[in-house]
Amino acid sequence: MAIDQQARTLLAQSTRWLVGARITNYQFDDAIPKSDDPAIREIYGQFLWLLYCDLREHRLTGSDSLAPAQRDVATRCVLFLKSGLPYPWPTLSRPMSALLTLGNLLTLGLAGRIYFHRLSAAGDMTFWPFLSASQYSAALDSPVYLSGVGANNSFKPTPLRGAA
């Protein structure tokens, strides 16, 4: 499958806004791009939609704030979406994903644990959606957001047009 960088950029931006409480969960859902890129479907379906309640509109603040571990994974998802890497994990078709969800409900989570165990054989789940620590580390070495900021560089924002 081809990488849909435009859709990935939109999902990365929307995820940053959701996690930063700049948009509501409903606004986030409206911004999910339609794409055949498996990274879009898997990152949204396997992680992002689990971050919030579908039954009411809210921002991820207060009692709806993310746990630090959820923020870490969301950050990795944004980094992966901007990395340009192909999605390396096995994917499920929509019917198989629905079947897994149903099976998970009927088996009180056993089906999900079995699937997770099989998925773990493909790579290091600690770094998902990256496949490995080295892949994640390489992406960290060339960040898209705030690149150029470092010990030898200062962050100098571009002034707005017409600004003095």
N, C-alpha and C. Protein backbone atom coordinates (compact mmCIF):
# COMPACT_ATOMS: atom_id res chain seq x y z
N MET A 1 0.83 -1.19 0.00
CA MET A 1 0.00 0.00 0.00
C MET A 1 0.88 1.26 0.00
N ALA A 2 0.38 2.26 -0.65
CA ALA A 2 1.12 3.51 -0.76
C ALA A 2 0.94 4.36 0.48
N ILE A 3 1.94 5.16 0.74
CA ILE A 3 1.89 6.11 1.84
C ILE A 3 1.13 7.34 1.37
N ASP A 4 0.11 7.73 2.09
CA ASP A 4 -0.69 8.91 1.78
C ASP A 4 -0.25 10.02 2.73
N GLN A 5 0.81 10.74 2.32
CA GLN A 5 1.40 11.73 3.22
C GLN A 5 0.44 12.85 3.56
N GLN A 6 -0.42 13.22 2.64
CA GLN A 6 -1.40 14.28 2.92
C GLN A 6 -2.35 13.84 4.03
N ALA A 7 -2.86 12.61 3.95
CA ALA A 7 -3.76 12.10 4.99
C ALA A 7 -3.02 11.93 6.31
N ARG A 8 -1.77 11.48 6.24
CA ARG A 8 -0.98 11.32 7.46
C ARG A 8 -0.74 12.66 8.14
N THR A 9 -0.45 13.68 7.36
CA THR A 9 -0.22 15.01 7.92
C THR A 9 -1.49 15.52 8.60
N LEU A 10 -2.63 15.31 7.96
CA LEU A 10 -3.90 15.74 8.55
C LEU A 10 -4.18 15.00 9.85
N LEU A 11 -3.96 13.69 9.88
CA LEU A 11 -4.19 12.92 11.10
C LEU A 11 -3.21 13.33 12.20
N ALA A 12 -1.95 13.55 11.83
CA ALA A 12 -0.95 13.98 12.82
C ALA A 12 -1.35 15.33 13.43
N GLN A 13 -1.75 16.26 12.60
CA GLN A 13 -2.14 17.58 13.08
C GLN A 13 -3.38 17.48 13.96
N SER A 14 -4.37 16.74 13.54
CA SER A 14 -5.60 16.58 14.32
C SER A 14 -5.32 15.89 15.65
N THR A 15 -4.42 14.93 15.64
CA THR A 15 -4.06 14.24 16.88
C THR A 15 -3.39 15.20 17.85
N ARG A 16 -2.50 16.02 17.35
CA ARG A 16 -1.84 17.02 18.20
C ARG A 16 -2.88 17.96 18.81
N TRP A 17 -3.85 18.36 18.02
CA TRP A 17 -4.88 19.27 18.51
C TRP A 17 -5.77 18.58 19.53
N LEU A 18 -6.10 17.31 19.30
CA LEU A 18 -6.93 16.56 20.25
C LEU A 18 -6.20 16.41 21.58
N VAL A 19 -4.97 15.93 21.53
CA VAL A 19 -4.18 15.68 22.73
C VAL A 19 -3.90 17.00 23.48
N GLY A 20 -3.73 18.07 22.74
CA GLY A 20 -3.49 19.38 23.35
C GLY A 20 -4.77 20.10 23.76
N ALA A 21 -5.92 19.44 23.63
CA ALA A 21 -7.23 19.98 24.03
C ALA A 21 -7.62 21.23 23.23
N ARG A 22 -7.11 21.35 22.01
CA ARG A 22 -7.49 22.48 21.16
C ARG A 22 -8.78 22.19 20.41
N ILE A 23 -9.11 20.90 20.25
CA ILE A 23 -10.35 20.52 19.58
C ILE A 23 -11.06 19.47 20.43
N THR A 24 -12.35 19.31 20.16
CA THR A 24 -13.13 18.30 20.87
C THR A 24 -13.00 16.95 20.18
N ASN A 25 -13.47 15.93 20.83
CA ASN A 25 -13.47 14.59 20.24
C ASN A 25 -14.33 14.55 18.97
N TYR A 26 -15.44 15.28 18.94
CA TYR A 26 -16.29 15.31 17.75
C TYR A 26 -15.58 16.00 16.59
N GLN A 27 -14.89 17.09 16.88
CA GLN A 27 -14.12 17.78 15.84
C GLN A 27 -13.01 16.87 15.31
N PHE A 28 -12.40 16.12 16.21
CA PHE A 28 -11.36 15.18 15.81
C PHE A 28 -11.94 14.12 14.87
N ASP A 29 -13.06 13.53 15.25
CA ASP A 29 -13.70 12.51 14.40
C ASP A 29 -14.03 13.06 13.02
N ASP A 30 -14.48 14.31 12.96
CA ASP A 30 -14.81 14.92 11.67
C ASP A 30 -13.57 15.14 10.81
N ALA A 31 -12.40 15.21 11.43
CA ALA A 31 -11.15 15.49 10.70
C ALA A 31 -10.42 14.23 10.27
N ILE A 32 -10.91 13.05 10.62
CA ILE A 32 -10.20 11.82 10.25
C ILE A 32 -10.24 11.67 8.73
N PRO A 33 -9.08 11.60 8.11
CA PRO A 33 -9.06 11.52 6.64
C PRO A 33 -9.45 10.13 6.14
N LYS A 34 -10.05 10.10 4.99
CA LYS A 34 -10.34 8.84 4.30
C LYS A 34 -9.10 8.50 3.48
N SER A 35 -8.59 7.30 3.66
CA SER A 35 -7.35 6.92 2.97
C SER A 35 -7.20 5.40 2.95
N ASP A 36 -6.51 4.91 1.94
CA ASP A 36 -6.17 3.49 1.86
C ASP A 36 -4.86 3.19 2.56
N ASP A 37 -4.18 4.21 3.07
CA ASP A 37 -2.93 4.02 3.79
C ASP A 37 -3.22 3.26 5.08
N PRO A 38 -2.63 2.08 5.25
CA PRO A 38 -2.93 1.29 6.46
C PRO A 38 -2.55 2.00 7.76
N ALA A 39 -1.59 2.90 7.73
CA ALA A 39 -1.21 3.63 8.95
C ALA A 39 -2.38 4.46 9.47
N ILE A 40 -3.15 5.05 8.58
CA ILE A 40 -4.29 5.87 8.99
C ILE A 40 -5.31 4.99 9.71
N ARG A 41 -5.71 3.91 9.07
CA ARG A 41 -6.73 3.03 9.64
C ARG A 41 -6.26 2.38 10.94
N GLU A 42 -5.04 1.89 10.97
CA GLU A 42 -4.56 1.16 12.14
C GLU A 42 -4.30 2.09 13.33
N ILE A 43 -3.67 3.23 13.09
CA ILE A 43 -3.38 4.14 14.20
C ILE A 43 -4.68 4.70 14.77
N TYR A 44 -5.61 5.05 13.90
CA TYR A 44 -6.90 5.53 14.40
C TYR A 44 -7.67 4.39 15.07
N GLY A 45 -7.81 3.28 14.38
CA GLY A 45 -8.65 2.19 14.87
C GLY A 45 -8.09 1.43 16.05
N GLN A 46 -6.78 1.30 16.13
CA GLN A 46 -6.18 0.53 17.21
C GLN A 46 -5.83 1.38 18.42
N PHE A 47 -5.80 2.71 18.26
CA PHE A 47 -5.39 3.52 19.40
C PHE A 47 -6.18 4.82 19.57
N LEU A 48 -6.21 5.68 18.57
CA LEU A 48 -6.72 7.03 18.77
C LEU A 48 -8.17 7.09 19.21
N TRP A 49 -9.03 6.28 18.61
CA TRP A 49 -10.45 6.39 18.98
C TRP A 49 -10.71 5.88 20.39
N LEU A 50 -9.73 5.19 20.97
CA LEU A 50 -9.88 4.71 22.35
C LEU A 50 -9.55 5.79 23.39
N LEU A 51 -9.08 6.94 22.93
CA LEU A 51 -8.66 7.99 23.85
C LEU A 51 -9.81 8.78 24.46
N TYR A 52 -11.00 8.66 23.90
CA TYR A 52 -12.10 9.52 24.33
C TYR A 52 -13.43 8.77 24.30
N CYS A 53 -14.41 9.39 24.91
CA CYS A 53 -15.77 8.85 24.97
C CYS A 53 -16.53 9.30 23.72
N ASP A 54 -17.17 8.37 23.05
CA ASP A 54 -17.95 8.69 21.85
C ASP A 54 -19.34 9.24 22.17
N LEU A 55 -19.78 9.13 23.40
CA LEU A 55 -21.16 9.43 23.76
C LEU A 55 -21.43 10.90 24.05
N ARG A 56 -20.38 11.69 24.24
CA ARG A 56 -20.56 13.11 24.52
C ARG A 56 -19.38 13.88 23.94
N GLU A 57 -19.62 15.15 23.66
CA GLU A 57 -18.54 15.99 23.13
C GLU A 57 -17.73 16.57 24.28
N HIS A 58 -16.43 16.49 24.19
CA HIS A 58 -15.56 17.00 25.24
C HIS A 58 -14.15 17.18 24.71
N ARG A 59 -13.35 17.86 25.49
CA ARG A 59 -11.92 18.00 25.23
C ARG A 59 -11.19 17.11 26.23
N LEU A 60 -9.96 16.80 25.93
CA LEU A 60 -9.18 15.92 26.82
C LEU A 60 -8.55 16.73 27.94
N THR A 61 -9.41 17.26 28.80
CA THR A 61 -8.97 18.03 29.96
C THR A 61 -9.69 17.52 31.20
N GLY A 62 -9.20 17.93 32.36
CA GLY A 62 -9.83 17.56 33.62
C GLY A 62 -9.93 16.06 33.78
N SER A 63 -11.12 15.58 34.10
CA SER A 63 -11.29 14.14 34.30
C SER A 63 -11.14 13.35 32.99
N ASP A 64 -11.15 14.05 31.85
CA ASP A 64 -10.97 13.39 30.55
C ASP A 64 -9.52 13.46 30.07
N SER A 65 -8.63 13.99 30.91
CA SER A 65 -7.21 14.10 30.53
C SER A 65 -6.61 12.72 30.27
N LEU A 66 -5.62 12.70 29.41
CA LEU A 66 -4.93 11.45 29.11
C LEU A 66 -3.93 11.10 30.20
N ALA A 67 -3.75 9.81 30.41
CA ALA A 67 -2.69 9.33 31.29
C ALA A 67 -1.36 9.55 30.57
N PRO A 68 -0.27 9.68 31.31
CA PRO A 68 1.04 9.88 30.67
C PRO A 68 1.37 8.81 29.63
N ALA A 69 1.04 7.57 29.89
CA ALA A 69 1.33 6.50 28.92
C ALA A 69 0.54 6.71 27.62
N GLN A 70 -0.69 7.18 27.72
CA GLN A 70 -1.49 7.46 26.52
C GLN A 70 -0.89 8.62 25.74
N ARG A 71 -0.43 9.64 26.44
CA ARG A 71 0.21 10.77 25.77
C ARG A 71 1.48 10.33 25.05
N ASP A 72 2.23 9.43 25.67
CA ASP A 72 3.46 8.93 25.05
C ASP A 72 3.16 8.20 23.75
N VAL A 73 2.14 7.35 23.77
CA VAL A 73 1.79 6.61 22.54
C VAL A 73 1.26 7.57 21.49
N ALA A 74 0.44 8.53 21.89
CA ALA A 74 -0.08 9.52 20.94
C ALA A 74 1.07 10.30 20.29
N THR A 75 2.07 10.63 21.08
CA THR A 75 3.25 11.33 20.56
C THR A 75 3.99 10.46 19.56
N ARG A 76 4.15 9.18 19.88
CA ARG A 76 4.79 8.26 18.94
C ARG A 76 3.98 8.15 17.66
N CYS A 77 2.66 8.14 17.77
CA CYS A 77 1.80 8.06 16.58
C CYS A 77 2.02 9.27 15.68
N VAL A 78 2.07 10.46 16.26
CA VAL A 78 2.30 11.67 15.48
C VAL A 78 3.68 11.61 14.82
N LEU A 79 4.68 11.21 15.57
CA LEU A 79 6.03 11.09 15.02
C LEU A 79 6.07 10.08 13.87
N PHE A 80 5.38 8.94 14.05
CA PHE A 80 5.34 7.93 12.99
C PHE A 80 4.64 8.48 11.75
N LEU A 81 3.51 9.14 11.94
CA LEU A 81 2.77 9.67 10.80
C LEU A 81 3.59 10.67 10.00
N LYS A 82 4.48 11.39 10.66
CA LYS A 82 5.32 12.38 9.97
C LYS A 82 6.65 11.79 9.48
N SER A 83 6.92 10.52 9.81
CA SER A 83 8.21 9.92 9.48
C SER A 83 8.36 9.52 8.02
N GLY A 84 7.24 9.28 7.35
CA GLY A 84 7.31 8.81 5.96
C GLY A 84 7.57 7.32 5.84
N LEU A 85 7.61 6.62 6.95
CA LEU A 85 7.84 5.17 6.93
C LEU A 85 6.56 4.42 6.56
N PRO A 86 6.70 3.31 5.86
CA PRO A 86 5.51 2.47 5.62
C PRO A 86 5.06 1.83 6.93
N TYR A 87 3.76 1.57 7.05
CA TYR A 87 3.25 0.93 8.27
C TYR A 87 3.73 -0.51 8.29
N PRO A 88 4.53 -0.90 9.29
CA PRO A 88 5.21 -2.20 9.25
C PRO A 88 4.45 -3.37 9.87
N TRP A 89 3.37 -3.11 10.58
CA TRP A 89 2.69 -4.17 11.32
C TRP A 89 1.65 -4.87 10.45
N PRO A 90 1.32 -6.11 10.79
CA PRO A 90 0.22 -6.79 10.09
C PRO A 90 -1.08 -6.01 10.30
N THR A 91 -1.92 -6.00 9.30
CA THR A 91 -3.18 -5.26 9.40
C THR A 91 -4.36 -6.22 9.23
N LEU A 92 -5.47 -5.81 9.78
CA LEU A 92 -6.71 -6.56 9.63
C LEU A 92 -7.62 -5.83 8.66
N SER A 93 -8.33 -6.58 7.84
CA SER A 93 -9.35 -5.97 7.00
C SER A 93 -10.47 -5.48 7.92
N ARG A 94 -11.35 -4.64 7.41
CA ARG A 94 -12.46 -4.14 8.22
C ARG A 94 -13.33 -5.28 8.75
N PRO A 95 -13.70 -6.26 7.91
CA PRO A 95 -14.52 -7.36 8.43
C PRO A 95 -13.78 -8.16 9.52
N MET A 96 -12.48 -8.39 9.34
CA MET A 96 -11.72 -9.14 10.34
C MET A 96 -11.58 -8.33 11.64
N SER A 97 -11.44 -7.02 11.50
CA SER A 97 -11.35 -6.17 12.67
C SER A 97 -12.67 -6.19 13.45
N ALA A 98 -13.78 -6.14 12.73
CA ALA A 98 -15.09 -6.22 13.38
C ALA A 98 -15.27 -7.58 14.05
N LEU A 99 -14.82 -8.63 13.38
CA LEU A 99 -14.91 -9.97 13.95
C LEU A 99 -14.06 -10.09 15.21
N LEU A 100 -12.87 -9.50 15.20
CA LEU A 100 -12.01 -9.52 16.38
C LEU A 100 -12.68 -8.77 17.54
N THR A 101 -13.29 -7.63 17.24
CA THR A 101 -13.99 -6.86 18.28
C THR A 101 -15.11 -7.69 18.89
N LEU A 102 -15.90 -8.32 18.04
CA LEU A 102 -16.99 -9.18 18.53
C LEU A 102 -16.44 -10.35 19.34
N GLY A 103 -15.41 -10.99 18.80
CA GLY A 103 -14.78 -12.11 19.50
C GLY A 103 -14.21 -11.69 20.84
N ASN A 104 -13.66 -10.48 20.89
CA ASN A 104 -13.11 -9.96 22.13
C ASN A 104 -14.21 -9.77 23.17
N LEU A 105 -15.35 -9.28 22.73
CA LEU A 105 -16.48 -9.10 23.65
C LEU A 105 -17.01 -10.45 24.14
N LEU A 106 -17.14 -11.40 23.23
CA LEU A 106 -17.70 -12.70 23.59
C LEU A 106 -16.77 -13.53 24.46
N THR A 107 -15.47 -13.31 24.34
CA THR A 107 -14.50 -14.10 25.11
C THR A 107 -13.93 -13.32 26.29
N LEU A 108 -14.56 -12.19 26.60
CA LEU A 108 -14.11 -11.34 27.71
C LEU A 108 -12.63 -10.95 27.59
N GLY A 109 -12.23 -10.65 26.37
CA GLY A 109 -10.87 -10.16 26.13
C GLY A 109 -9.87 -11.20 25.70
N LEU A 110 -10.22 -12.48 25.75
CA LEU A 110 -9.27 -13.53 25.38
C LEU A 110 -8.85 -13.42 23.92
N ALA A 111 -9.79 -13.16 23.03
CA ALA A 111 -9.47 -13.06 21.60
C ALA A 111 -8.47 -11.92 21.36
N GLY A 112 -8.67 -10.80 22.05
CA GLY A 112 -7.74 -9.68 21.91
C GLY A 112 -6.36 -10.00 22.41
N ARG A 113 -6.28 -10.72 23.52
CA ARG A 113 -4.97 -11.11 24.06
C ARG A 113 -4.24 -12.07 23.11
N ILE A 114 -4.99 -12.99 22.51
CA ILE A 114 -4.38 -13.92 21.55
C ILE A 114 -3.88 -13.15 20.34
N TYR A 115 -4.69 -12.22 19.83
CA TYR A 115 -4.27 -11.40 18.68
C TYR A 115 -3.05 -10.57 19.05
N PHE A 116 -3.06 -9.96 20.23
CA PHE A 116 -1.92 -9.15 20.68
C PHE A 116 -0.66 -10.00 20.75
N HIS A 117 -0.78 -11.22 21.24
CA HIS A 117 0.38 -12.11 21.33
C HIS A 117 0.94 -12.40 19.94
N ARG A 118 0.06 -12.65 18.97
CA ARG A 118 0.51 -12.90 17.59
C ARG A 118 1.15 -11.64 17.00
N LEU A 119 0.54 -10.51 17.27
CA LEU A 119 1.06 -9.25 16.75
C LEU A 119 2.44 -8.96 17.34
N SER A 120 2.64 -9.30 18.59
CA SER A 120 3.93 -9.06 19.26
C SER A 120 5.07 -9.79 18.59
N ALA A 121 4.78 -10.86 17.90
CA ALA A 121 5.82 -11.61 17.21
C ALA A 121 6.39 -10.83 16.02
N ALA A 122 5.66 -9.82 15.54
CA ALA A 122 6.10 -9.05 14.37
C ALA A 122 7.13 -7.99 14.72
N GLY A 123 7.17 -7.55 15.98
CA GLY A 123 8.09 -6.49 16.36
C GLY A 123 7.96 -6.18 17.84
N ASP A 124 8.59 -5.10 18.26
CA ASP A 124 8.58 -4.69 19.66
C ASP A 124 7.40 -3.75 19.89
N MET A 125 6.36 -4.26 20.54
CA MET A 125 5.14 -3.48 20.78
C MET A 125 5.40 -2.24 21.65
N THR A 126 6.50 -2.23 22.37
CA THR A 126 6.84 -1.08 23.20
C THR A 126 6.96 0.19 22.37
N PHE A 127 7.32 0.05 21.09
CA PHE A 127 7.58 1.21 20.25
C PHE A 127 6.51 1.40 19.17
N TRP A 128 5.41 0.64 19.25
CA TRP A 128 4.33 0.78 18.26
C TRP A 128 3.92 2.24 18.14
N PRO A 129 3.68 2.74 16.95
CA PRO A 129 3.56 2.11 15.65
C PRO A 129 4.88 1.87 14.92
N PHE A 130 5.99 2.26 15.54
CA PHE A 130 7.30 1.88 14.99
C PHE A 130 7.50 0.40 15.25
N LEU A 131 8.33 -0.22 14.45
CA LEU A 131 8.56 -1.66 14.57
C LEU A 131 9.60 -1.99 15.63
N SER A 132 10.54 -1.07 15.85
CA SER A 132 11.66 -1.37 16.74
C SER A 132 12.19 -0.10 17.40
N ALA A 133 13.02 -0.30 18.40
CA ALA A 133 13.66 0.82 19.08
C ALA A 133 14.54 1.61 18.11
N SER A 134 15.24 0.91 17.23
CA SER A 134 16.13 1.62 16.30
C SER A 134 15.34 2.47 15.30
N GLN A 135 14.20 1.97 14.85
CA GLN A 135 13.36 2.74 13.93
C GLN A 135 12.82 3.99 14.64
N TYR A 136 12.38 3.82 15.88
CA TYR A 136 11.88 4.94 16.67
C TYR A 136 13.00 5.95 16.94
N SER A 137 14.16 5.47 17.29
CA SER A 137 15.30 6.33 17.57
C SER A 137 15.69 7.14 16.34
N ALA A 138 15.68 6.51 15.18
CA ALA A 138 16.01 7.21 13.94
C ALA A 138 15.00 8.33 13.66
N ALA A 139 13.73 8.08 13.94
CA ALA A 139 12.71 9.11 13.74
C ALA A 139 12.91 10.25 14.74
N LEU A 140 13.30 9.94 15.96
CA LEU A 140 13.56 10.98 16.96
C LEU A 140 14.74 11.85 16.56
N ASP A 141 15.70 11.27 15.84
CA ASP A 141 16.88 12.02 15.43
C ASP A 141 16.58 13.04 14.34
N SER A 142 15.44 12.89 13.68
CA SER A 142 15.07 13.86 12.64
C SER A 142 13.60 14.26 12.79
N PRO A 143 13.28 14.96 13.88
CA PRO A 143 11.88 15.33 14.12
C PRO A 143 11.39 16.35 13.10
N VAL A 144 10.11 16.29 12.82
CA VAL A 144 9.52 17.22 11.87
C VAL A 144 9.13 18.51 12.57
N TYR A 145 8.53 18.38 13.75
CA TYR A 145 8.13 19.56 14.49
C TYR A 145 9.30 20.08 15.31
N LEU A 146 9.51 21.37 15.25
CA LEU A 146 10.58 22.05 15.97
C LEU A 146 11.97 21.57 15.54
N SER A 147 12.10 21.10 14.30
CA SER A 147 13.44 20.71 13.84
C SER A 147 14.29 21.97 13.77
N GLY A 148 15.53 21.80 14.05
CA GLY A 148 16.44 22.94 14.08
C GLY A 148 16.61 23.51 15.48
N VAL A 149 15.77 23.06 16.40
CA VAL A 149 15.90 23.51 17.78
C VAL A 149 16.88 22.59 18.47
N GLY A 150 17.87 23.11 19.06
CA GLY A 150 18.85 22.27 19.74
C GLY A 150 19.88 23.14 20.43
N ALA A 151 20.90 22.48 20.92
CA ALA A 151 21.93 23.18 21.69
C ALA A 151 22.61 24.27 20.86
N ASN A 152 22.79 24.01 19.56
CA ASN A 152 23.51 24.96 18.73
C ASN A 152 22.58 25.85 17.90
N ASN A 153 21.30 25.65 18.04
CA ASN A 153 20.34 26.44 17.27
C ASN A 153 19.34 27.07 18.22
N SER A 154 18.86 28.22 17.88
CA SER A 154 17.79 28.82 18.67
C SER A 154 16.54 28.82 17.81
N PHE A 155 15.42 28.68 18.45
CA PHE A 155 14.16 28.68 17.73
C PHE A 155 13.77 30.12 17.46
N LYS A 156 13.78 30.48 16.18
CA LYS A 156 13.44 31.84 15.78
C LYS A 156 12.21 31.78 14.90
N PRO A 157 11.03 32.02 15.49
CA PRO A 157 9.82 31.95 14.68
C PRO A 157 9.83 33.04 13.60
N THR A 158 9.22 32.72 12.48
CA THR A 158 9.09 33.68 11.40
C THR A 158 8.06 34.72 11.80
N PRO A 159 8.39 35.99 11.72
CA PRO A 159 7.39 37.00 12.10
C PRO A 159 6.23 37.01 11.11
N LEU A 160 5.08 37.45 11.60
CA LEU A 160 3.91 37.56 10.74
C LEU A 160 4.14 38.65 9.72
N ARG A 161 3.50 38.53 8.58
CA ARG A 161 3.62 39.56 7.55
C ARG A 161 3.13 40.90 8.12
N GLY A 162 3.86 41.90 7.81
CA GLY A 162 3.48 43.23 8.28
C GLY A 162 3.97 43.53 9.68
N ALA A 163 4.55 42.54 10.34
CA ALA A 163 5.06 42.78 11.70
C ALA A 163 6.37 43.55 11.61
N ALA A 164 6.59 44.38 12.56
CA ALA A 164 7.81 45.18 12.55
C ALA A 164 8.96 44.44 13.14
